[in-house]
C-alpha atoms as a PDB file:
ATOM      1  CA  MET A   1      10.999 -17.576   8.902  1.00  0.00           C
ATOM      2  CA  MET A   2       9.199 -15.650   6.184  1.00  0.00           C
ATOM      3  CA  LYS A   3      11.045 -13.728   3.498  1.00  0.00           C
ATOM      4  CA  LEU A   4       9.526 -10.676   1.834  1.00  0.00           C
ATOM      5  CA  ALA A   5      11.486  -9.721  -1.285  1.00  0.00           C
ATOM      6  CA  TYR A   6      11.186  -6.373  -3.025  1.00  0.00           C
ATOM      7  CA  PHE A   7      13.306  -3.429  -4.101  1.00  0.00           C
ATOM      8  CA  ASP A   8      14.852  -1.043  -1.587  1.00  0.00           C
ATOM      9  CA  ILE A   9      11.816   1.229  -1.702  1.00  0.00           C
ATOM     10  CA  ARG A  10       8.412   1.325  -0.018  1.00  0.00           C
ATOM     11  CA  GLY A  11       6.246   0.973  -3.135  1.00  0.00           C
ATOM     12  CA  LEU A  12       4.164  -2.162  -3.556  1.00  0.00           C
ATOM     13  CA  ALA A  13       5.609  -3.891  -0.487  1.00  0.00           C
ATOM     14  CA  GLU A  14       5.035  -1.292   2.206  1.00  0.00           C
ATOM     15  CA  THR A  15       1.493  -2.310   3.108  1.00  0.00           C
ATOM     16  CA  SER A  16       2.759  -5.859   3.604  1.00  0.00           C
ATOM     17  CA  ARG A  17       5.676  -4.618   5.714  1.00  0.00           C
ATOM     18  CA  ILE A  18       3.232  -2.682   7.881  1.00  0.00           C
ATOM     19  CA  LEU A  19       1.047  -5.777   8.239  1.00  0.00           C
ATOM     20  CA  LEU A  20       4.105  -7.801   9.272  1.00  0.00           C
ATOM     21  CA  ALA A  21       4.971  -5.140  11.843  1.00  0.00           C
ATOM     22  CA  LEU A  22       1.414  -5.200  13.142  1.00  0.00           C
ATOM     23  CA  GLY A  23       1.567  -9.000  13.406  1.00  0.00           C
ATOM     24  CA  ASN A  24       4.907  -8.722  15.248  1.00  0.00           C
ATOM     25  CA  GLU A  25       6.292 -11.225  12.742  1.00  0.00           C
ATOM     26  CA  GLU A  26       9.977 -12.003  12.413  1.00  0.00           C
ATOM     27  CA  TYR A  27      10.888 -12.084   8.732  1.00  0.00           C
ATOM     28  CA  GLU A  28      13.676 -11.367   6.292  1.00  0.00           C
ATOM     29  CA  ASP A  29      13.112  -7.960   4.713  1.00  0.00           C
ATOM     30  CA  PHE A  30      15.083  -8.689   1.535  1.00  0.00           C
ATOM     31  CA  ARG A  31      15.693  -5.627  -0.623  1.00  0.00           C
ATOM     32  CA  TYR A  32      17.240  -5.480  -4.081  1.00  0.00           C
ATOM     33  CA  PRO A  33      19.260  -2.275  -4.633  1.00  0.00           C
ATOM     34  CA  LEU A  34      17.522   0.207  -6.905  1.00  0.00           C
ATOM     35  CA  LYS A  35      19.184   3.270  -8.426  1.00  0.00           C
ATOM     36  CA  VAL A  36      16.970   5.992  -9.873  1.00  0.00           C
ATOM     37  CA  ILE A  37      18.192   7.234 -13.265  1.00  0.00           C
ATOM     38  CA  ASP A  38      15.146   9.244 -14.371  1.00  0.00           C
ATOM     39  CA  MET A  39      12.147   9.373 -12.052  1.00  0.00           C
ATOM     40  CA  ALA A  40       9.963  11.063 -14.670  1.00  0.00           C
ATOM     41  CA  THR A  41      10.215   8.042 -16.981  1.00  0.00           C
ATOM     42  CA  TYR A  42      10.684   5.455 -14.235  1.00  0.00           C
ATOM     43  CA  GLN A  43      14.171   4.564 -15.502  1.00  0.00           C
ATOM     44  CA  MET A  44      15.889   2.509 -12.809  1.00  0.00           C
ATOM     45  CA  GLU A  45      19.103   0.550 -12.516  1.00  0.00           C
ATOM     46  CA  LYS A  46      18.536  -2.813 -10.806  1.00  0.00           C
ATOM     47  CA  GLU A  47      21.561  -4.929 -11.615  1.00  0.00           C
ATOM     48  CA  GLU A  48      21.222  -7.553  -8.860  1.00  0.00           C
ATOM     49  CA  PHE A  49      17.559  -8.121  -9.650  1.00  0.00           C
ATOM     50  CA  ASP A  50      18.263  -8.409 -13.380  1.00  0.00           C
ATOM     51  CA  ASN A  51      21.048 -10.940 -12.719  1.00  0.00           C
ATOM     52  CA  ASP A  52      18.841 -13.104 -10.491  1.00  0.00           C
ATOM     53  CA  LYS A  53      16.124 -12.939 -13.119  1.00  0.00           C
ATOM     54  CA  LYS A  54      18.528 -14.106 -15.843  1.00  0.00           C
ATOM     55  CA  GLU A  55      19.739 -16.937 -13.631  1.00  0.00           C
ATOM     56  CA  GLY A  56      16.177 -18.176 -13.098  1.00  0.00           C
ATOM     57  CA  LYS A  57      16.055 -17.393  -9.387  1.00  0.00           C
ATOM     58  CA  LEU A  58      12.748 -15.525  -9.683  1.00  0.00           C
ATOM     59  CA  VAL A  59      10.666 -17.941 -11.754  1.00  0.00           C
ATOM     60  CA  GLY A  60       8.533 -18.748  -8.703  1.00  0.00           C
ATOM     61  CA  SER A  61       7.261 -15.179  -8.710  1.00  0.00           C
ATOM     62  CA  LEU A  62       7.031 -14.934 -12.515  1.00  0.00           C
ATOM     63  CA  ASN A  63      10.173 -12.756 -12.515  1.00  0.00           C
ATOM     64  CA  LYS A  64       8.369 -10.030 -10.601  1.00  0.00           C
ATOM     65  CA  LEU A  65       8.433  -8.415  -7.181  1.00  0.00           C
ATOM     66  CA  PRO A  66       7.288  -8.393  -4.475  1.00  0.00           C
ATOM     67  CA  TYR A  67       7.015 -11.986  -3.365  1.00  0.00           C
ATOM     68  CA  LEU A  68       6.580 -13.640   0.004  1.00  0.00           C
ATOM     69  CA  GLU A  69       8.290 -16.931   0.734  1.00  0.00           C
ATOM     70  CA  ILE A  70       6.990 -19.146   3.542  1.00  0.00           C
ATOM     71  CA  ASP A  71       7.563 -22.868   4.129  1.00  0.00           C
ATOM     72  CA  ASN A  72       9.423 -23.043   0.799  1.00  0.00           C
ATOM     73  CA  VAL A  73       6.348 -21.726  -1.025  1.00  0.00           C
ATOM     74  CA  VAL A  74       6.596 -18.502  -3.046  1.00  0.00           C
ATOM     75  CA  ILE A  75       3.555 -16.220  -3.072  1.00  0.00           C
ATOM     76  CA  PRO A  76       3.761 -13.476  -5.733  1.00  0.00           C
ATOM     77  CA  GLN A  77       1.511 -10.436  -6.274  1.00  0.00           C
ATOM     78  CA  SER A  78       1.320  -7.679  -3.667  1.00  0.00           C
ATOM     79  CA  LYS A  79      -2.453  -7.913  -3.115  1.00  0.00           C
ATOM     80  CA  SER A  80      -2.318 -11.685  -2.634  1.00  0.00           C
ATOM     81  CA  ILE A  81       0.445 -11.204  -0.064  1.00  0.00           C
ATOM     82  CA  GLU A  82      -1.583  -8.552   1.751  1.00  0.00           C
ATOM     83  CA  ARG A  83      -4.666 -10.779   1.932  1.00  0.00           C
ATOM     84  CA  PHE A  84      -2.599 -13.750   3.101  1.00  0.00           C
ATOM     85  CA  LEU A  85      -1.058 -11.707   5.911  1.00  0.00           C
ATOM     86  CA  ALA A  86      -4.410 -10.138   6.794  1.00  0.00           C
ATOM     87  CA  ARG A  87      -5.968 -13.579   7.228  1.00  0.00           C
ATOM     88  CA  ARG A  88      -2.960 -14.699   9.267  1.00  0.00           C
ATOM     89  CA  TYR A  89      -3.414 -11.773  11.675  1.00  0.00           C
ATOM     90  CA  ASN A  90      -7.241 -11.915  11.802  1.00  0.00           C
ATOM     91  CA  LEU A  91      -7.696  -8.724   9.791  1.00  0.00           C
ATOM     92  CA  MET A  92     -10.294 -10.013   7.311  1.00  0.00           C
ATOM     93  CA  GLY A  93     -13.439  -9.647   9.417  1.00  0.00           C
ATOM     94  CA  ASN A  94     -15.615 -12.079  11.320  1.00  0.00           C
ATOM     95  CA  SER A  95     -17.741 -13.375   8.449  1.00  0.00           C
ATOM     96  CA  GLU A  96     -17.700 -13.961   4.718  1.00  0.00           C
ATOM     97  CA  ILE A  97     -19.706 -10.779   4.190  1.00  0.00           C
ATOM     98  CA  GLN A  98     -17.288  -8.700   6.259  1.00  0.00           C
ATOM     99  CA  SER A  99     -14.376 -10.245   4.373  1.00  0.00           C
ATOM    100  CA  ALA A 100     -16.009  -9.304   1.064  1.00  0.00           C
ATOM    101  CA  LYS A 101     -16.610  -5.733   2.265  1.00  0.00           C
ATOM    102  CA  ILE A 102     -12.984  -5.412   3.372  1.00  0.00           C
ATOM    103  CA  ASP A 103     -11.821  -6.722   0.012  1.00  0.00           C
ATOM    104  CA  SER A 104     -14.113  -4.329  -1.858  1.00  0.00           C
ATOM    105  CA  ILE A 105     -12.744  -1.272  -0.018  1.00  0.00           C
ATOM    106  CA  CYS A 106      -9.218  -2.382  -0.875  1.00  0.00           C
ATOM    107  CA  GLU A 107     -10.195  -2.745  -4.538  1.00  0.00           C
ATOM    108  CA  CYS A 108     -11.766   0.724  -4.533  1.00  0.00           C
ATOM    109  CA  VAL A 109      -8.440   2.102  -3.323  1.00  0.00           C
ATOM    110  CA  ARG A 110      -6.688   0.208  -6.107  1.00  0.00           C
ATOM    111  CA  ASP A 111      -9.037   1.915  -8.614  1.00  0.00           C
ATOM    112  CA  PHE A 112      -8.176   5.318  -7.114  1.00  0.00           C
ATOM    113  CA  LYS A 113      -4.472   4.581  -7.555  1.00  0.00           C
ATOM    114  CA  ASP A 114      -5.004   3.644 -11.199  1.00  0.00           C
ATOM    115  CA  MET A 115      -6.884   6.916 -11.767  1.00  0.00           C
ATOM    116  CA  TYR A 116      -4.052   8.906 -10.209  1.00  0.00           C
ATOM    117  CA  GLN A 117      -1.374   7.228 -12.323  1.00  0.00           C
ATOM    118  CA  LYS A 118      -3.065   8.548 -15.452  1.00  0.00           C
ATOM    119  CA  VAL A 119      -2.698  12.085 -14.087  1.00  0.00           C
ATOM    120  CA  ARG A 120       0.872  11.448 -12.964  1.00  0.00           C
ATOM    121  CA  LYS A 121       1.912  10.479 -16.497  1.00  0.00           C
ATOM    122  CA  MET A 122       0.768  13.787 -17.960  1.00  0.00           C
ATOM    123  CA  GLU A 123       3.262  16.529 -18.762  1.00  0.00           C
ATOM    124  CA  GLY A 124       3.646  20.262 -18.473  1.00  0.00           C
ATOM    125  CA  GLU A 125       0.826  22.640 -17.715  1.00  0.00           C
ATOM    126  CA  GLU A 126      -1.826  19.972 -18.292  1.00  0.00           C
ATOM    127  CA  LYS A 127      -0.267  17.852 -15.553  1.00  0.00           C
ATOM    128  CA  ASP A 128      -0.144  20.788 -13.126  1.00  0.00           C
ATOM    129  CA  ASN A 129      -3.805  21.608 -13.733  1.00  0.00           C
ATOM    130  CA  GLU A 130      -4.972  18.011 -13.486  1.00  0.00           C
ATOM    131  CA  MET A 131      -2.859  17.383 -10.390  1.00  0.00           C
ATOM    132  CA  ASN A 132      -4.472  20.341  -8.628  1.00  0.00           C
ATOM    133  CA  LYS A 133      -7.877  19.090  -9.702  1.00  0.00           C
ATOM    134  CA  TRP A 134      -7.032  15.566  -8.498  1.00  0.00           C
ATOM    135  CA  PHE A 135      -6.369  16.602  -4.903  1.00  0.00           C
ATOM    136  CA  SER A 136      -8.997  19.345  -4.664  1.00  0.00           C
ATOM    137  CA  GLU A 137     -11.840  17.606  -6.506  1.00  0.00           C
ATOM    138  CA  THR A 138     -11.358  14.076  -7.863  1.00  0.00           C
ATOM    139  CA  LEU A 139      -9.861  12.407  -4.805  1.00  0.00           C
ATOM    140  CA  VAL A 140     -12.226  14.285  -2.516  1.00  0.00           C
ATOM    141  CA  GLU A 141     -15.219  13.041  -4.519  1.00  0.00           C
ATOM    142  CA  ARG A 142     -13.925   9.455  -4.601  1.00  0.00           C
ATOM    143  CA  LEU A 143     -13.347   9.429  -0.851  1.00  0.00           C
ATOM    144  CA  GLU A 144     -16.762  10.954  -0.178  1.00  0.00           C
ATOM    145  CA  LEU A 145     -18.357   8.097  -2.097  1.00  0.00           C
ATOM    146  CA  LEU A 146     -16.217   5.537  -0.280  1.00  0.00           C
ATOM    147  CA  GLU A 147     -17.109   7.121   3.065  1.00  0.00           C
ATOM    148  CA  LYS A 148     -20.679   5.912   2.554  1.00  0.00           C
ATOM    149  CA  SER A 149     -19.402   2.321   2.633  1.00  0.00           C
ATOM    150  CA  ILE A 150     -17.419   2.805   5.852  1.00  0.00           C
ATOM    151  CA  ASP A 151     -19.164   1.322   8.891  1.00  0.00           C
ATOM    152  CA  SER A 152     -18.033   3.775  11.571  1.00  0.00           C
ATOM    153  CA  LYS A 153     -15.488   6.405  12.575  1.00  0.00           C
ATOM    154  CA  ASP A 154     -13.509   3.673  14.330  1.00  0.00           C
ATOM    155  CA  PHE A 155     -13.238   0.898  11.738  1.00  0.00           C
ATOM    156  CA  SER A 156     -13.997   0.481   8.050  1.00  0.00           C
ATOM    157  CA  VAL A 157     -15.842  -2.801   8.532  1.00  0.00           C
ATOM    158  CA  GLY A 158     -17.382  -4.160  11.727  1.00  0.00           C
ATOM    159  CA  CYS A 159     -15.942  -3.487  15.165  1.00  0.00           C
ATOM    160  CA  ASN A 160     -12.331  -4.505  14.642  1.00  0.00           C
ATOM    161  CA  LEU A 161      -9.211  -3.377  12.827  1.00  0.00           C
ATOM    162  CA  SER A 162      -8.995  -4.830   9.309  1.00  0.00           C
ATOM    163  CA  LEU A 163      -6.935  -4.838   6.152  1.00  0.00           C
ATOM    164  CA  ALA A 164      -9.223  -2.111   4.787  1.00  0.00           C
ATOM    165  CA  ASP A 165      -8.102   0.252   7.566  1.00  0.00           C
ATOM    166  CA  ILE A 166      -4.428  -0.468   6.875  1.00  0.00           C
ATOM    167  CA  VAL A 167      -4.887   0.030   3.123  1.00  0.00           C
ATOM    168  CA  LEU A 168      -6.634   3.377   3.653  1.00  0.00           C
ATOM    169  CA  PHE A 169      -3.792   4.432   5.944  1.00  0.00           C
ATOM    170  CA  THR A 170      -1.028   3.511   3.499  1.00  0.00           C
ATOM    171  CA  PHE A 171      -2.945   5.021   0.574  1.00  0.00           C
ATOM    172  CA  ILE A 172      -3.243   8.459   2.146  1.00  0.00           C
ATOM    173  CA  THR A 173       0.044   8.553   4.078  1.00  0.00           C
ATOM    174  CA  GLU A 174       2.409   6.558   1.824  1.00  0.00           C
ATOM    175  CA  PHE A 175       1.244   6.461  -1.793  1.00  0.00           C
ATOM    176  CA  PHE A 176       1.402  10.103  -2.895  1.00  0.00           C
ATOM    177  CA  ASP A 177       4.420  12.381  -3.240  1.00  0.00           C
ATOM    178  CA  ASP A 178       2.294  15.289  -2.021  1.00  0.00           C
ATOM    179  CA  LYS A 179       1.305  13.835   1.340  1.00  0.00           C
ATOM    180  CA  ASP A 180      -0.110  17.068   2.738  1.00  0.00           C
ATOM    181  CA  SER A 181      -2.572  17.426  -0.141  1.00  0.00           C
ATOM    182  CA  ALA A 182      -3.505  13.761   0.181  1.00  0.00           C
ATOM    183  CA  PHE A 183      -4.320  14.146   3.868  1.00  0.00           C
ATOM    184  CA  ASN A 184      -6.187  17.421   3.248  1.00  0.00           C
ATOM    185  CA  SER A 185      -8.417  15.567   0.792  1.00  0.00           C
ATOM    186  CA  THR A 186      -9.940  13.691   3.768  1.00  0.00           C
ATOM    187  CA  GLU A 187     -11.324  16.896   5.288  1.00  0.00           C
ATOM    188  CA  THR A 188     -14.885  16.082   4.210  1.00  0.00           C
ATOM    189  CA  THR A 189     -14.629  12.391   5.134  1.00  0.00           C
ATOM    190  CA  PRO A 190     -14.378  12.330   8.951  1.00  0.00           C
ATOM    191  CA  LYS A 191     -14.698   8.559   9.261  1.00  0.00           C
ATOM    192  CA  ILE A 192     -11.841   7.891   6.861  1.00  0.00           C
ATOM    193  CA  ARG A 193      -9.671  10.583   8.467  1.00  0.00           C
ATOM    194  CA  ASN A 194     -10.311   9.200  11.951  1.00  0.00           C
ATOM    195  CA  ILE A 195      -9.368   5.692  10.827  1.00  0.00           C
ATOM    196  CA  ILE A 196      -6.129   6.952   9.259  1.00  0.00           C
ATOM    197  CA  GLU A 197      -5.210   8.821  12.430  1.00  0.00           C
ATOM    198  CA  TYR A 198      -6.043   5.799  14.593  1.00  0.00           C
ATOM    199  CA  VAL A 199      -3.923   3.402  12.532  1.00  0.00           C
ATOM    200  CA  GLY A 200      -1.026   5.874  12.564  1.00  0.00           C
ATOM    201  CA  LYS A 201      -1.027   5.851  16.370  1.00  0.00           C
ATOM    202  CA  LEU A 202      -0.757   2.060  16.732  1.00  0.00           C
ATOM    203  CA  GLU A 203       2.542   1.415  18.533  1.00  0.00           C
ATOM    204  CA  ARG A 204       3.832  -1.367  16.285  1.00  0.00           C
ATOM    205  CA  ILE A 205       3.125   0.687  13.169  1.00  0.00           C
ATOM    206  CA  LYS A 206       4.688   3.813  14.682  1.00  0.00           C
ATOM    207  CA  ASP A 207       7.781   1.805  15.633  1.00  0.00           C
ATOM    208  CA  TRP A 208       8.121   0.388  12.114  1.00  0.00           C
ATOM    209  CA  ILE A 209       7.783   3.784  10.440  1.00  0.00           C
ATOM    210  CA  GLU A 210      10.403   5.254  12.776  1.00  0.00           C
ATOM    211  CA  LYS A 211      12.963   2.485  12.275  1.00  0.00           C
ATOM    212  CA  ARG A 212      12.404   1.407   8.657  1.00  0.00           C
ATOM    213  CA  PRO A 213      15.230   1.992   6.169  1.00  0.00           C
ATOM    214  CA  ASP A 214      15.301   5.298   4.341  1.00  0.00           C
ATOM    215  CA  SER A 215      14.353   5.030   0.672  1.00  0.00           C
ATOM    216  CA  VAL A 216      13.814   7.297  -2.311  1.00  0.00           C
ATOM    217  CA  PHE A 217      10.082   6.526  -2.409  1.00  0.00           C
END
């Protein structure tokens, strides 16, 4: 049985958890306790994780999370785990070109996340202004550009569900604190919005979201 190890939050592991749900995979959803001390500065208390790290139990993942363990092999890095699971469940397209397109959409989303983190780290009035601009202008513009690379209103690449569709879904519905503004930013990108809505209606994904443990973020 696989083991996916992360903190007791959604964060960097939630796309992988959704992929595992979609693949109907039995696995150990191992979660280190995480206590939020100061969310603004990302101060967290993670005693069990720190102890395992000191004892050398996490060297296989370079002392970081998440990691996936399968057949006594440890696979670190969230994006590597996502691609591994996507290949396992036939979510990486039907050709090398489709696989590359899927990967490129996922990397575009990663760039968007990096852009947002810069805004999130701002303070005071500047942060408020830039946050409003992010959801009303910047994210809208980024998604409009990405929309041009989306194959159809049904799927990002080709004629089948892929990792790119799952990543778009988790980006808009899971990544941001302000989920309403995130979804509203897809108003001018009908293909992306349709894909997000379609993925959200998949029974295995709906079941996972309904039953998953509650977490701070």
